[in-house]
Amino acid sequence: MSHDTVAVAVAQFAPSASREGNLADIAGLARTAAARGACVVVFPEYSSYFVDPFDASLAENAEDLDGPFVRALITLATELDVVLVAGLVEKADDGRRVRNAVVAVGADGIRSVYRKLHLYDAFGQRESDWVEPGETTPPQTFEVRGLRFGLMTCYDLRFPEVSRTLADAGADVALVPAEWVRGPLKEYHWTTLLTARAIENTFFVAAADHPPPLGVGHSMIIDPQGVILAQVGTMTDVAVAHIDVAAIARVRRVNPALELRRYRVTPR
């Protein structure tokens, strides 16, 4: 591909209660993505540890940012010369709840950390019973080969302000690790919201989900006009898209929506 493109992968798998098994799955998928040319690989929410329904084992298996999960990601990123983005069950202060974090790591260590702002207290679920919400910190971003990537998580998709703050921070690509719970119309919501976030911010979106039966699957990469460039179905797999660095500028010349808007986002 042209040197003016950056290959981004979404890696879809089903994290489990086996931390060692999760790391093995991540390593295999990351190697597949790197072999296909990817230099940024996005994994789902809760990649380090996951149980359904949540229970006390979540806190028992939570880790610090310098714990074995992140150290293993850095070792793998160094080996493959890629940036890895994955969901981490992070230790919290009270010892009962955890933080739903996303870490981006490269050979140089941690590039960025994001803690989920909007917890999934909807559709009969109560994530806040087990997870403490992230603070409204400045947008978390990092750069790879001239592209700026911003982090958000799953239920954040239903709050367009989150992706708008990433656009305001100069993000070219929003990365969305997720565990988008299955249910009536949920596949439709997933695709519609991902596409809307790309179109309204005129940037790329790359989202990685859990496959069925718990997630909806359909991890995908979408361009600034809402076109799906690459997608996984409902199996464990990797999809790679070569992102055109100049595409955002071209789209924004035709559709300068960010410049024309008359409102700004401020935190509550």
Protein backbone atom coordinates (compact mmCIF):
# COMPACT_ATOMS: atom_id res chain seq x y z
CA MET A 1 0.00 0.00 0.00
CA SER A 2 0.96 3.65 -0.34
CA HIS A 3 3.07 5.25 2.36
CA ASP A 4 0.14 7.66 2.76
CA THR A 5 -2.01 4.94 4.33
CA VAL A 6 -1.97 3.49 7.83
CA ALA A 7 -3.24 -0.08 8.31
CA VAL A 8 -5.60 -0.49 11.27
CA ALA A 9 -7.03 -3.80 12.46
CA VAL A 10 -9.99 -4.74 14.62
CA ALA A 11 -9.56 -8.08 16.39
CA GLN A 12 -12.74 -9.82 17.51
CA PHE A 13 -12.67 -12.50 20.19
CA ALA A 14 -14.53 -13.59 23.33
CA PRO A 15 -12.52 -12.79 26.48
CA SER A 16 -13.08 -15.25 29.32
CA ALA A 17 -12.21 -15.84 32.96
CA SER A 18 -8.85 -17.27 31.87
CA ARG A 19 -6.34 -14.43 31.89
CA GLU A 20 -3.72 -16.69 30.31
CA GLY A 21 -6.18 -17.79 27.63
CA ASN A 22 -7.08 -14.19 26.84
CA LEU A 23 -3.43 -13.27 26.35
CA ALA A 24 -2.93 -16.30 24.11
CA ASP A 25 -5.90 -15.26 21.95
CA ILE A 26 -4.63 -11.69 21.79
CA ALA A 27 -1.16 -12.85 20.74
CA GLY A 28 -2.53 -15.03 17.95
CA LEU A 29 -4.83 -12.34 16.59
CA ALA A 30 -2.15 -9.64 16.87
CA ARG A 31 0.26 -11.78 14.85
CA THR A 32 -2.40 -12.31 12.20
CA ALA A 33 -3.09 -8.58 12.05
CA ALA A 34 0.62 -7.71 11.82
CA ALA A 35 1.10 -10.28 9.06
CA ARG A 36 -1.66 -8.48 7.13
CA GLY A 37 0.20 -5.19 7.50
CA ALA A 38 -1.56 -3.62 10.48
CA CYS A 39 0.36 -1.20 12.68
CA VAL A 40 -2.52 -0.52 15.10
CA VAL A 41 -4.64 -3.40 16.43
CA VAL A 42 -7.82 -2.84 18.46
CA PHE A 43 -9.20 -5.53 20.79
CA PRO A 44 -12.52 -5.60 22.69
CA GLU A 45 -13.55 -4.18 26.03
CA TYR A 46 -12.69 -6.41 29.02
CA SER A 47 -9.94 -8.17 27.04
CA SER A 48 -7.94 -8.95 30.18
CA TYR A 49 -10.77 -10.69 32.06
CA PHE A 50 -14.50 -11.22 31.57
CA VAL A 51 -17.32 -13.14 33.23
CA ASP A 52 -21.07 -13.05 32.62
CA PRO A 53 -22.78 -12.14 34.85
CA PHE A 54 -20.29 -10.00 36.74
CA ASP A 55 -19.33 -11.18 40.21
CA ALA A 56 -16.68 -10.63 42.88
CA SER A 57 -14.08 -12.32 40.68
CA LEU A 58 -13.92 -9.15 38.60
CA ALA A 59 -12.16 -7.26 41.41
CA GLU A 60 -10.13 -10.34 42.31
CA ASN A 61 -8.69 -10.42 38.79
CA ALA A 62 -8.22 -6.68 38.34
CA GLU A 63 -4.68 -5.47 37.63
CA ASP A 64 -2.64 -2.29 37.87
CA LEU A 65 -1.32 -0.51 34.79
CA ASP A 66 2.08 -2.04 35.49
CA GLY A 67 0.59 -5.52 35.98
CA PRO A 68 1.14 -8.70 33.94
CA PHE A 69 -1.52 -7.97 31.31
CA VAL A 70 -0.10 -4.62 30.26
CA ARG A 71 3.48 -5.91 30.48
CA ALA A 72 2.54 -8.79 28.17
CA LEU A 73 0.92 -6.38 25.72
CA ILE A 74 4.06 -4.23 25.64
CA THR A 75 6.24 -7.29 25.00
CA LEU A 76 3.95 -8.36 22.15
CA ALA A 77 3.79 -4.85 20.69
CA THR A 78 7.59 -4.69 20.75
CA GLU A 79 7.90 -8.06 19.03
CA LEU A 80 5.46 -7.13 16.25
CA ASP A 81 6.31 -3.42 15.99
CA VAL A 82 2.65 -2.43 16.39
CA VAL A 83 0.46 -0.46 18.78
CA LEU A 84 -2.05 -2.62 20.67
CA VAL A 85 -5.27 -1.24 22.14
CA ALA A 86 -7.23 -3.44 24.56
CA GLY A 87 -9.71 -3.36 27.42
CA LEU A 88 -8.25 -3.83 30.90
CA VAL A 89 -10.03 -4.62 34.17
CA GLU A 90 -8.06 -2.19 36.30
CA LYS A 91 -7.84 -2.10 40.08
CA ALA A 92 -9.84 0.69 41.71
CA ASP A 93 -9.38 2.44 45.03
CA ASP A 94 -12.13 0.81 47.08
CA GLY A 95 -11.17 -2.83 46.41
CA ARG A 96 -14.78 -3.78 45.56
CA ARG A 97 -15.37 -2.13 42.20
CA VAL A 98 -12.94 -1.94 39.28
CA ARG A 99 -12.13 0.51 36.51
CA ASN A 100 -13.13 -0.30 32.95
CA ALA A 101 -9.96 0.90 31.24
CA VAL A 102 -8.57 0.86 27.74
CA VAL A 103 -4.81 0.90 27.29
CA ALA A 104 -2.85 1.69 24.15
CA VAL A 105 0.71 0.36 24.22
CA GLY A 106 3.71 0.23 21.92
CA ALA A 107 7.34 -0.73 22.17
CA ASP A 108 7.89 2.49 24.14
CA GLY A 109 5.35 1.47 26.79
CA ILE A 110 1.91 2.89 27.54
CA ARG A 111 0.80 5.46 24.95
CA SER A 112 -2.59 6.31 26.40
CA VAL A 113 -5.13 5.18 29.01
CA TYR A 114 -8.88 5.82 28.92
CA ARG A 115 -11.40 4.91 31.63
CA LYS A 116 -14.99 4.44 30.50
CA LEU A 117 -17.12 7.51 31.20
CA HIS A 118 -20.62 6.15 30.62
CA LEU A 119 -21.35 2.86 32.37
CA TYR A 120 -23.88 0.41 30.99
CA ASP A 121 -26.80 0.97 33.35
CA ALA A 122 -29.37 0.25 30.67
CA PHE A 123 -31.32 -2.58 29.03
CA GLY A 124 -31.60 -4.31 32.40
CA GLN A 125 -27.86 -4.16 33.15
CA ARG A 126 -26.06 -2.41 36.05
CA GLU A 127 -22.37 -2.05 35.19
CA SER A 128 -22.00 0.60 37.89
CA ASP A 129 -22.61 -2.04 40.57
CA TRP A 130 -19.18 -3.44 39.70
CA VAL A 131 -17.35 -0.63 37.91
CA GLU A 132 -16.58 2.95 38.90
CA PRO A 133 -16.98 5.58 36.15
CA GLY A 134 -13.98 7.32 34.67
CA GLU A 135 -13.34 10.96 35.40
CA THR A 136 -13.98 13.62 32.77
CA THR A 137 -10.33 14.05 31.88
CA PRO A 138 -9.08 15.58 28.62
CA PRO A 139 -9.52 13.28 25.60
CA GLN A 140 -7.02 10.43 25.51
CA THR A 141 -5.14 10.29 22.22
CA PHE A 142 -1.89 9.03 20.68
CA GLU A 143 -0.22 9.28 17.28
CA VAL A 144 0.98 6.67 14.82
CA ARG A 145 2.53 7.61 11.47
CA GLY A 146 0.88 11.00 11.28
CA LEU A 147 -2.58 9.87 12.39
CA ARG A 148 -4.03 10.80 15.77
CA PHE A 149 -6.11 8.08 17.46
CA GLY A 150 -8.63 8.74 20.24
CA LEU A 151 -10.09 6.28 22.76
CA MET A 152 -13.67 5.66 23.86
CA THR A 153 -15.60 2.57 25.01
CA CYS A 154 -18.80 0.72 24.11
CA TYR A 155 -21.79 2.50 25.76
CA ASP A 156 -20.00 5.83 25.15
CA LEU A 157 -21.27 5.44 21.56
CA ARG A 158 -24.73 6.48 22.71
CA PHE A 159 -23.35 9.83 23.88
CA PRO A 160 -22.18 11.77 20.80
CA GLU A 161 -20.39 14.30 22.98
CA VAL A 162 -17.62 11.76 23.67
CA SER A 163 -16.62 11.32 20.04
CA ARG A 164 -17.05 15.06 19.45
CA THR A 165 -14.47 15.82 22.15
CA LEU A 166 -12.10 13.43 20.36
CA ALA A 167 -12.65 15.32 17.11
CA ASP A 168 -12.02 18.60 18.92
CA ALA A 169 -8.75 17.13 20.22
CA GLY A 170 -7.63 16.47 16.66
CA ALA A 171 -8.38 12.76 16.45
CA ASP A 172 -8.43 11.28 12.96
CA VAL A 173 -9.62 7.87 14.16
CA ALA A 174 -11.87 6.94 17.09
CA LEU A 175 -11.04 3.51 18.53
CA VAL A 176 -13.93 1.75 20.29
CA PRO A 177 -13.28 -1.44 22.28
CA ALA A 178 -16.70 -2.84 23.17
CA GLU A 179 -18.80 -5.60 24.65
CA TRP A 180 -22.02 -4.64 22.87
CA VAL A 181 -24.55 -6.88 24.59
CA ARG A 182 -26.93 -8.74 22.29
CA GLY A 183 -30.65 -8.04 22.38
CA PRO A 184 -33.56 -6.84 20.23
CA LEU A 185 -32.31 -4.41 17.56
CA LYS A 186 -28.88 -4.21 19.22
CA GLU A 187 -27.01 -5.16 16.01
CA TYR A 188 -28.85 -2.33 14.27
CA HIS A 189 -27.99 0.12 17.07
CA TRP A 190 -24.32 -0.92 16.90
CA THR A 191 -23.94 -0.34 13.17
CA THR A 192 -26.05 2.83 13.14
CA LEU A 193 -24.24 4.50 16.03
CA LEU A 194 -20.77 3.63 14.75
CA THR A 195 -21.66 4.99 11.33
CA ALA A 196 -23.24 8.15 12.79
CA ARG A 197 -20.17 8.89 14.92
CA ALA A 198 -17.98 8.63 11.80
CA ILE A 199 -20.22 10.79 9.62
CA GLU A 200 -20.94 13.56 12.12
CA ASN A 201 -17.26 13.95 13.08
CA THR A 202 -15.90 13.32 9.58
CA PHE A 203 -13.30 10.90 10.90
CA PHE A 204 -12.61 7.16 10.87
CA VAL A 205 -14.03 4.79 13.47
CA ALA A 206 -12.58 1.37 14.32
CA ALA A 207 -14.60 -0.76 16.76
CA ALA A 208 -13.87 -4.23 18.18
CA ASP A 209 -16.62 -6.24 19.85
CA HIS A 210 -17.12 -9.64 21.50
CA PRO A 211 -18.68 -12.22 19.14
CA PRO A 212 -22.01 -13.91 19.87
CA PRO A 213 -23.57 -15.26 21.96
CA LEU A 214 -22.80 -12.39 24.38
CA GLY A 215 -21.76 -9.65 21.94
CA VAL A 216 -23.15 -8.79 18.52
CA GLY A 217 -19.83 -9.20 16.72
CA HIS A 218 -19.52 -7.23 13.49
CA SER A 219 -16.33 -5.44 14.49
CA MET A 220 -15.65 -2.89 11.78
CA ILE A 221 -13.69 0.04 10.40
CA ILE A 222 -15.68 2.93 8.93
CA ASP A 223 -14.53 5.90 6.85
CA PRO A 224 -15.52 9.59 7.36
CA GLN A 225 -18.47 9.23 5.01
CA GLY A 226 -19.91 6.21 6.81
CA VAL A 227 -18.63 3.54 4.42
CA ILE A 228 -17.64 0.26 6.07
CA LEU A 229 -14.11 -0.46 4.84
CA ALA A 230 -13.59 -3.79 6.60
CA GLN A 231 -15.67 -5.96 8.89
CA VAL A 232 -15.65 -9.20 10.87
CA GLY A 233 -18.85 -11.21 10.99
CA THR A 234 -19.77 -13.23 14.07
CA MET A 235 -16.62 -15.34 14.46
CA THR A 236 -13.22 -14.81 16.06
CA ASP A 237 -11.20 -13.03 13.39
CA VAL A 238 -9.31 -9.93 12.30
CA ALA A 239 -10.30 -7.27 9.76
CA VAL A 240 -7.77 -4.79 8.38
CA ALA A 241 -8.33 -1.51 6.54
CA HIS A 242 -5.70 0.76 5.05
CA ILE A 243 -6.69 4.25 6.14
CA ASP A 244 -5.99 7.04 3.69
CA VAL A 245 -4.36 9.85 5.64
CA ALA A 246 -5.63 12.48 3.20
CA ALA A 247 -9.24 11.27 3.18
CA ILE A 248 -10.29 13.34 6.19
CA ALA A 249 -9.11 16.60 4.64
CA ARG A 250 -10.89 15.75 1.38
CA VAL A 251 -14.17 14.99 3.15
CA ARG A 252 -13.96 18.10 5.32
CA ARG A 253 -13.44 20.34 2.29
CA VAL A 254 -16.75 19.10 0.92
CA ASN A 255 -18.55 18.83 4.28
CA PRO A 256 -17.09 21.33 6.80
CA ALA A 257 -19.64 20.39 9.46
CA LEU A 258 -17.19 20.74 12.34
CA GLU A 259 -16.43 24.32 11.33
CA LEU A 260 -20.07 25.22 10.79
CA ARG A 261 -21.45 24.00 14.12
CA ARG A 262 -22.61 26.57 16.67
CA TYR A 263 -22.29 24.57 19.89
CA ARG A 264 -19.39 23.27 21.95
CA VAL A 265 -19.20 20.34 24.37
CA THR A 266 -18.71 21.07 28.06
CA PRO A 267 -18.63 18.45 30.87
CA ARG A 268 -21.33 18.19 33.54
